[in-house]
């Protein structure tokens, strides 16, 4: 099976290179080689020429604040490119795997969002991602859209890397505690993705996985939108405290420990794009459809801290 992976150098994409390898030939072209989501027409032509059986789109415009001043580019990458990929996938009868975000919701209330809840993005980024979801659903039936949140991992810029870097430079930190969600590790996202692809392409030969339980839905059609996050819920403040505690346990000398991290409301950190306060996503549909047991968010945060420290990657906050 030929798998086209877009965004293979990103947080999730770098993990997908590993988890998708047992499923077949993984082709992960770079943007530098001409695979550019900002040129949807050329992208579609390249996909059709390559003729993969599965397309995994882990690339996106993710600069949430900059999107407010670059709406056309955000829409082209997050909406027009997925539309072009869906059209190409339909012509090839290929599966399209795509990632979306909790930002498609308005962040009100405290109940975890279900897949069929009304959407209401607060800014350009969320609007562009929602448009991409709708474009895929309208053009191609054989798709899986995974909405996730608060992604972190050992590659690239993310909140955990930022906190470790700042804690090495400053004696105190202030972190918002009124945005609630589930930090989700890129390795787990990649593992679930591989398990899902195995199910939809080879139903009788699913990949063995530590996440798999005995409860597997025997539905003939698993296509659609799913929420994919770690189990549990927390605030950014709690994530920061856990990351610093883990770093300290690993022997890292920090100027700022968890005791010096102050809780503050989102209103103290105005940004060009409004953040949703409620980023909780209900994962029941995913767990029941694919028979998964999703790990607690704490496990993923600890693993990312350990991976960052073990890799020797610099933890300077300037990288975030």
Protein backbone atom coordinates (compact mmCIF):
# COMPACT_ATOMS: atom_id res chain seq x y z
CA UNK A 1 0.00 0.00 0.00
CA UNK A 2 1.33 3.42 -0.98
CA UNK A 3 0.78 6.14 1.63
CA UNK A 4 1.31 9.83 0.87
CA UNK A 5 2.21 11.78 4.02
CA UNK A 6 2.05 15.57 3.85
CA UNK A 7 3.66 17.53 6.66
CA UNK A 8 6.04 14.71 7.49
CA UNK A 9 8.53 16.96 9.28
CA UNK A 10 6.04 18.44 11.76
CA UNK A 11 5.11 17.40 15.28
CA UNK A 12 2.56 14.81 14.22
CA UNK A 13 4.08 14.07 10.82
CA UNK A 14 7.45 13.06 12.23
CA UNK A 15 5.69 10.51 14.43
CA UNK A 16 3.54 9.29 11.55
CA UNK A 17 6.67 8.38 9.59
CA UNK A 18 7.28 5.72 12.25
CA UNK A 19 3.76 4.43 12.89
CA UNK A 20 2.73 4.26 9.22
CA UNK A 21 5.82 2.37 8.06
CA UNK A 22 4.44 -1.11 8.92
CA UNK A 23 1.39 -0.43 6.74
CA UNK A 24 3.21 0.08 3.45
CA UNK A 25 5.40 2.43 1.45
CA UNK A 26 5.35 5.88 3.06
CA UNK A 27 6.19 8.79 0.75
CA UNK A 28 6.70 12.07 2.61
CA UNK A 29 7.69 14.82 0.15
CA UNK A 30 8.77 18.17 1.50
CA UNK A 31 7.47 21.62 0.73
CA UNK A 32 10.92 22.47 -0.63
CA UNK A 33 10.48 19.76 -3.26
CA UNK A 34 7.36 21.50 -4.57
CA UNK A 35 4.58 19.96 -2.48
CA UNK A 36 3.07 23.24 -1.32
CA UNK A 37 -0.41 23.45 0.23
CA UNK A 38 -0.58 27.11 -0.72
CA UNK A 39 -0.90 25.97 -4.36
CA UNK A 40 -3.92 23.62 -4.22
CA UNK A 41 -4.18 23.01 -7.97
CA UNK A 42 -0.55 21.94 -8.31
CA UNK A 43 -0.89 19.85 -5.15
CA UNK A 44 -3.84 17.93 -6.55
CA UNK A 45 -1.99 17.24 -9.81
CA UNK A 46 0.99 15.87 -7.92
CA UNK A 47 -1.24 13.60 -5.82
CA UNK A 48 -2.99 12.18 -8.87
CA UNK A 49 0.33 11.52 -10.56
CA UNK A 50 1.67 9.69 -7.48
CA UNK A 51 -1.58 7.71 -7.10
CA UNK A 52 -1.42 6.70 -3.43
CA UNK A 53 -4.01 4.44 -1.81
CA UNK A 54 -3.99 6.58 1.36
CA UNK A 55 -3.35 10.32 1.76
CA UNK A 56 -2.49 11.58 5.25
CA UNK A 57 -2.54 15.36 5.54
CA UNK A 58 -0.60 16.39 8.63
CA UNK A 59 0.26 19.81 7.16
CA UNK A 60 -1.64 22.99 7.99
CA UNK A 61 -1.44 26.71 8.60
CA UNK A 62 -1.26 26.74 12.43
CA UNK A 63 -0.17 30.29 13.28
CA UNK A 64 -3.37 31.14 15.16
CA UNK A 65 -2.62 34.82 15.79
CA UNK A 66 -0.95 35.52 12.44
CA UNK A 67 -3.98 34.08 10.67
CA UNK A 68 -5.95 37.15 11.72
CA UNK A 69 -3.74 39.25 9.41
CA UNK A 70 -3.29 36.52 6.75
CA UNK A 71 -6.81 35.19 6.24
CA UNK A 72 -6.37 34.46 2.54
CA UNK A 73 -3.27 32.32 3.09
CA UNK A 74 -4.83 30.50 6.06
CA UNK A 75 -7.93 29.72 4.00
CA UNK A 76 -5.89 28.56 1.01
CA UNK A 77 -3.82 26.14 3.10
CA UNK A 78 -6.49 24.98 5.55
CA UNK A 79 -9.57 24.94 3.31
CA UNK A 80 -8.70 25.05 -0.40
CA UNK A 81 -5.84 22.55 -0.18
CA UNK A 82 -7.93 19.95 1.71
CA UNK A 83 -10.67 20.44 -0.88
CA UNK A 84 -8.16 19.72 -3.64
CA UNK A 85 -6.86 16.67 -1.76
CA UNK A 86 -10.41 15.37 -1.35
CA UNK A 87 -11.09 15.75 -5.07
CA UNK A 88 -7.86 13.93 -5.92
CA UNK A 89 -8.62 11.20 -3.38
CA UNK A 90 -12.06 10.72 -4.90
CA UNK A 91 -10.64 10.32 -8.40
CA UNK A 92 -8.15 7.74 -7.07
CA UNK A 93 -10.65 6.06 -4.74
CA UNK A 94 -8.09 6.64 -1.98
CA UNK A 95 -8.63 7.22 1.73
CA UNK A 96 -7.97 10.77 2.96
CA UNK A 97 -6.88 11.28 6.58
CA UNK A 98 -7.00 14.87 7.81
CA UNK A 99 -6.50 16.66 11.14
CA UNK A 100 -8.63 19.45 12.54
CA UNK A 101 -8.99 21.28 15.83
CA UNK A 102 -11.10 22.22 18.84
CA UNK A 103 -10.98 25.79 17.47
CA UNK A 104 -13.97 24.95 15.25
CA UNK A 105 -16.11 25.45 18.39
CA UNK A 106 -16.86 28.69 20.25
CA UNK A 107 -15.46 27.50 23.58
CA UNK A 108 -18.60 28.20 25.60
CA UNK A 109 -19.87 26.03 28.44
CA UNK A 110 -18.09 23.21 30.21
CA UNK A 111 -19.45 20.08 28.50
CA UNK A 112 -17.03 18.22 26.22
CA UNK A 113 -17.88 18.86 22.58
CA UNK A 114 -19.33 16.02 20.52
CA UNK A 115 -18.67 15.64 16.81
CA UNK A 116 -22.18 16.76 15.78
CA UNK A 117 -22.40 19.77 18.11
CA UNK A 118 -22.94 23.17 16.44
CA UNK A 119 -19.66 24.81 15.46
CA UNK A 120 -18.78 28.47 15.92
CA UNK A 121 -15.11 29.33 15.45
CA UNK A 122 -13.91 32.51 17.12
CA UNK A 123 -11.21 33.47 14.63
CA UNK A 124 -9.73 33.00 11.18
CA UNK A 125 -7.76 29.88 12.08
CA UNK A 126 -10.82 28.02 13.34
CA UNK A 127 -12.91 29.27 10.43
CA UNK A 128 -10.35 28.02 7.90
CA UNK A 129 -10.09 24.60 9.57
CA UNK A 130 -13.87 24.23 9.67
CA UNK A 131 -14.06 25.16 5.98
CA UNK A 132 -11.49 22.44 5.29
CA UNK A 133 -13.57 19.86 7.15
CA UNK A 134 -16.68 20.77 5.21
CA UNK A 135 -14.86 20.74 1.88
CA UNK A 136 -13.59 17.21 2.51
CA UNK A 137 -16.97 15.90 3.63
CA UNK A 138 -18.68 17.41 0.60
CA UNK A 139 -16.24 15.98 -1.95
CA UNK A 140 -15.18 12.53 -0.78
CA UNK A 141 -16.89 9.86 1.31
CA UNK A 142 -13.76 7.84 2.15
CA UNK A 143 -12.24 10.17 4.73
CA UNK A 144 -11.28 10.31 8.39
CA UNK A 145 -11.09 13.72 10.06
CA UNK A 146 -9.49 13.76 13.49
CA UNK A 147 -10.14 16.84 15.62
CA UNK A 148 -7.48 17.18 18.29
CA UNK A 149 -6.25 19.79 20.76
CA UNK A 150 -3.20 21.14 22.58
CA UNK A 151 -0.77 19.02 20.56
CA UNK A 152 2.75 18.50 21.92
CA UNK A 153 5.73 16.31 21.18
CA UNK A 154 9.53 16.20 21.01
CA UNK A 155 9.67 17.94 17.61
CA UNK A 156 8.83 21.54 16.85
CA UNK A 157 7.51 24.40 18.92
CA UNK A 158 4.87 23.68 21.54
CA UNK A 159 3.71 24.78 24.98
CA UNK A 160 5.80 22.27 26.93
CA UNK A 161 9.04 23.25 25.19
CA UNK A 162 8.20 26.90 25.82
CA UNK A 163 7.57 26.35 29.54
CA UNK A 164 10.82 24.42 30.01
CA UNK A 165 12.74 27.13 28.20
CA UNK A 166 11.20 29.98 30.17
CA UNK A 167 11.64 28.14 33.47
CA UNK A 168 15.35 27.94 32.76
CA UNK A 169 15.53 31.71 32.20
CA UNK A 170 13.06 33.25 34.66
CA UNK A 171 12.40 33.01 38.39
CA UNK A 172 8.61 33.09 38.02
CA UNK A 173 5.97 32.47 35.38
CA UNK A 174 2.30 33.32 34.88
CA UNK A 175 0.09 30.84 33.02
CA UNK A 176 -3.62 30.98 32.23
CA UNK A 177 -5.84 28.61 34.21
CA UNK A 178 -9.28 29.25 32.70
CA UNK A 179 -8.76 27.50 29.35
CA UNK A 180 -9.62 23.83 29.80
CA UNK A 181 -8.75 20.98 27.46
CA UNK A 182 -6.61 17.87 27.04
CA UNK A 183 -2.93 18.07 26.06
CA UNK A 184 -2.48 15.43 23.39
CA UNK A 185 0.85 13.86 22.48
CA UNK A 186 1.86 13.60 18.84
CA UNK A 187 3.05 9.98 19.29
CA UNK A 188 -0.41 8.95 20.48
CA UNK A 189 -2.10 10.77 17.59
CA UNK A 190 0.18 8.97 15.15
CA UNK A 191 -0.44 5.59 16.75
CA UNK A 192 -4.22 6.04 16.65
CA UNK A 193 -4.00 7.18 13.04
CA UNK A 194 -2.10 4.06 12.03
CA UNK A 195 -4.57 1.86 13.88
CA UNK A 196 -7.51 3.58 12.14
CA UNK A 197 -5.94 3.29 8.69
CA UNK A 198 -5.30 -0.40 9.30
CA UNK A 199 -8.96 -0.85 10.20
CA UNK A 200 -10.41 0.94 7.20
CA UNK A 201 -8.01 -0.54 4.65
CA UNK A 202 -7.54 -4.05 6.07
CA UNK A 203 -10.41 -4.66 8.51
CA UNK A 204 -9.30 -8.19 9.36
CA UNK A 205 -5.67 -7.27 9.97
CA UNK A 206 -5.62 -4.32 12.36
CA UNK A 207 -2.26 -3.37 13.79
CA UNK A 208 -1.72 -4.75 17.30
CA UNK A 209 -1.65 -1.84 19.71
CA UNK A 210 -1.46 -1.15 23.42
CA UNK A 211 -4.42 1.16 22.85
CA UNK A 212 -6.68 -1.57 21.48
CA UNK A 213 -9.41 -3.02 23.67
CA UNK A 214 -11.83 -5.86 23.03
CA UNK A 215 -14.65 -3.46 22.20
CA UNK A 216 -14.44 -2.93 18.44
CA UNK A 217 -17.38 -1.57 16.48
CA UNK A 218 -18.34 -3.90 13.62
CA UNK A 219 -19.74 -1.10 11.46
CA UNK A 220 -19.32 -1.39 7.68
CA UNK A 221 -18.44 2.28 7.27
CA UNK A 222 -16.08 4.00 9.69
CA UNK A 223 -15.59 7.15 7.59
CA UNK A 224 -16.33 10.50 9.19
CA UNK A 225 -15.19 12.96 11.85
CA UNK A 226 -13.78 11.89 15.21
CA UNK A 227 -12.46 13.64 18.28
CA UNK A 228 -8.96 12.48 19.21
CA UNK A 229 -7.44 13.70 22.47
CA UNK A 230 -5.82 12.21 25.54
CA UNK A 231 -8.11 11.22 28.40
CA UNK A 232 -9.03 13.70 31.12
CA UNK A 233 -9.04 17.48 31.22
CA UNK A 234 -6.85 20.18 32.68
CA UNK A 235 -5.72 23.81 32.37
CA UNK A 236 -2.58 25.25 30.83
CA UNK A 237 -1.45 26.13 34.36
CA UNK A 238 -1.62 22.48 35.44
CA UNK A 239 0.23 21.38 32.31
CA UNK A 240 3.04 23.84 33.04
CA UNK A 241 3.31 22.69 36.65
CA UNK A 242 3.46 19.02 35.68
CA UNK A 243 6.07 19.65 32.97
CA UNK A 244 8.33 21.53 35.39
CA UNK A 245 7.86 18.89 38.10
CA UNK A 246 8.84 16.15 35.65
CA UNK A 247 11.89 18.10 34.49
CA UNK A 248 12.96 18.56 38.10
CA UNK A 249 12.55 14.83 38.75
CA UNK A 250 14.78 14.19 35.74
CA UNK A 251 17.51 16.27 37.37
CA UNK A 252 17.12 19.49 35.38
CA UNK A 253 18.09 22.64 37.26
CA UNK A 254 15.34 25.21 36.70
CA UNK A 255 15.25 28.80 37.91
CA UNK A 256 11.46 28.54 38.15
CA UNK A 257 9.81 25.50 39.67
CA UNK A 258 6.10 24.67 39.75
CA UNK A 259 5.75 26.58 43.02
CA UNK A 260 6.64 29.80 41.20
CA UNK A 261 4.00 29.43 38.46
CA UNK A 262 1.10 31.83 39.07
CA UNK A 263 -2.46 31.27 37.86
CA UNK A 264 -3.89 34.09 35.76
CA UNK A 265 -7.05 34.54 33.66
CA UNK A 266 -6.99 34.67 29.86
CA UNK A 267 -7.98 38.34 30.01
CA UNK A 268 -4.48 39.16 31.29
CA UNK A 269 -3.00 37.88 28.00
CA UNK A 270 -4.81 39.61 25.13
CA UNK A 271 -3.93 38.14 21.73
CA UNK A 272 -4.98 38.95 18.15
CA UNK A 273 -7.01 35.71 18.03
CA UNK A 274 -9.45 34.80 20.76
CA UNK A 275 -8.82 31.40 22.38
CA UNK A 276 -11.70 29.08 23.29
CA UNK A 277 -12.08 28.60 27.04
CA UNK A 278 -13.70 25.18 26.66
CA UNK A 279 -11.51 22.95 24.50
CA UNK A 280 -12.86 19.69 25.92
CA UNK A 281 -13.57 17.10 23.20
CA UNK A 282 -15.72 14.02 23.78
CA UNK A 283 -13.82 10.99 22.40
CA UNK A 284 -16.50 8.35 22.94
CA UNK A 285 -17.24 7.96 19.22
CA UNK A 286 -13.58 7.26 18.42
CA UNK A 287 -13.07 4.88 21.32
CA UNK A 288 -16.13 2.81 20.50
CA UNK A 289 -15.65 2.79 16.71
CA UNK A 290 -12.01 1.69 16.79
CA UNK A 291 -11.90 -0.09 20.14
CA UNK A 292 -9.37 2.25 21.73
CA UNK A 293 -8.30 3.02 25.28
CA UNK A 294 -6.78 6.50 25.25
CA UNK A 295 -4.05 7.32 27.80
CA UNK A 296 -4.37 10.09 30.39
CA UNK A 297 -3.01 13.49 29.42
CA UNK A 298 -0.44 13.32 32.24
CA UNK A 299 1.25 10.32 30.62
CA UNK A 300 1.77 12.17 27.36
CA UNK A 301 3.12 15.30 29.04
CA UNK A 302 5.68 13.28 31.01
CA UNK A 303 6.73 11.43 27.87
CA UNK A 304 7.25 14.67 25.95
CA UNK A 305 9.35 16.18 28.74
CA UNK A 306 11.47 13.03 28.91
CA UNK A 307 11.86 12.90 25.13
CA UNK A 308 12.91 16.56 24.96
CA UNK A 309 15.50 16.07 27.64
CA UNK A 310 16.79 12.78 26.21
CA UNK A 311 17.13 14.18 22.71
CA UNK A 312 19.49 16.90 23.79
CA UNK A 313 17.39 19.45 21.93
CA UNK A 314 17.92 22.96 23.31
CA UNK A 315 15.02 24.12 25.45
CA UNK A 316 15.41 27.82 24.80
CA UNK A 317 12.06 29.61 24.87
CA UNK A 318 13.11 31.44 21.71
CA UNK A 319 12.27 28.28 19.76
CA UNK A 320 8.59 28.45 20.68
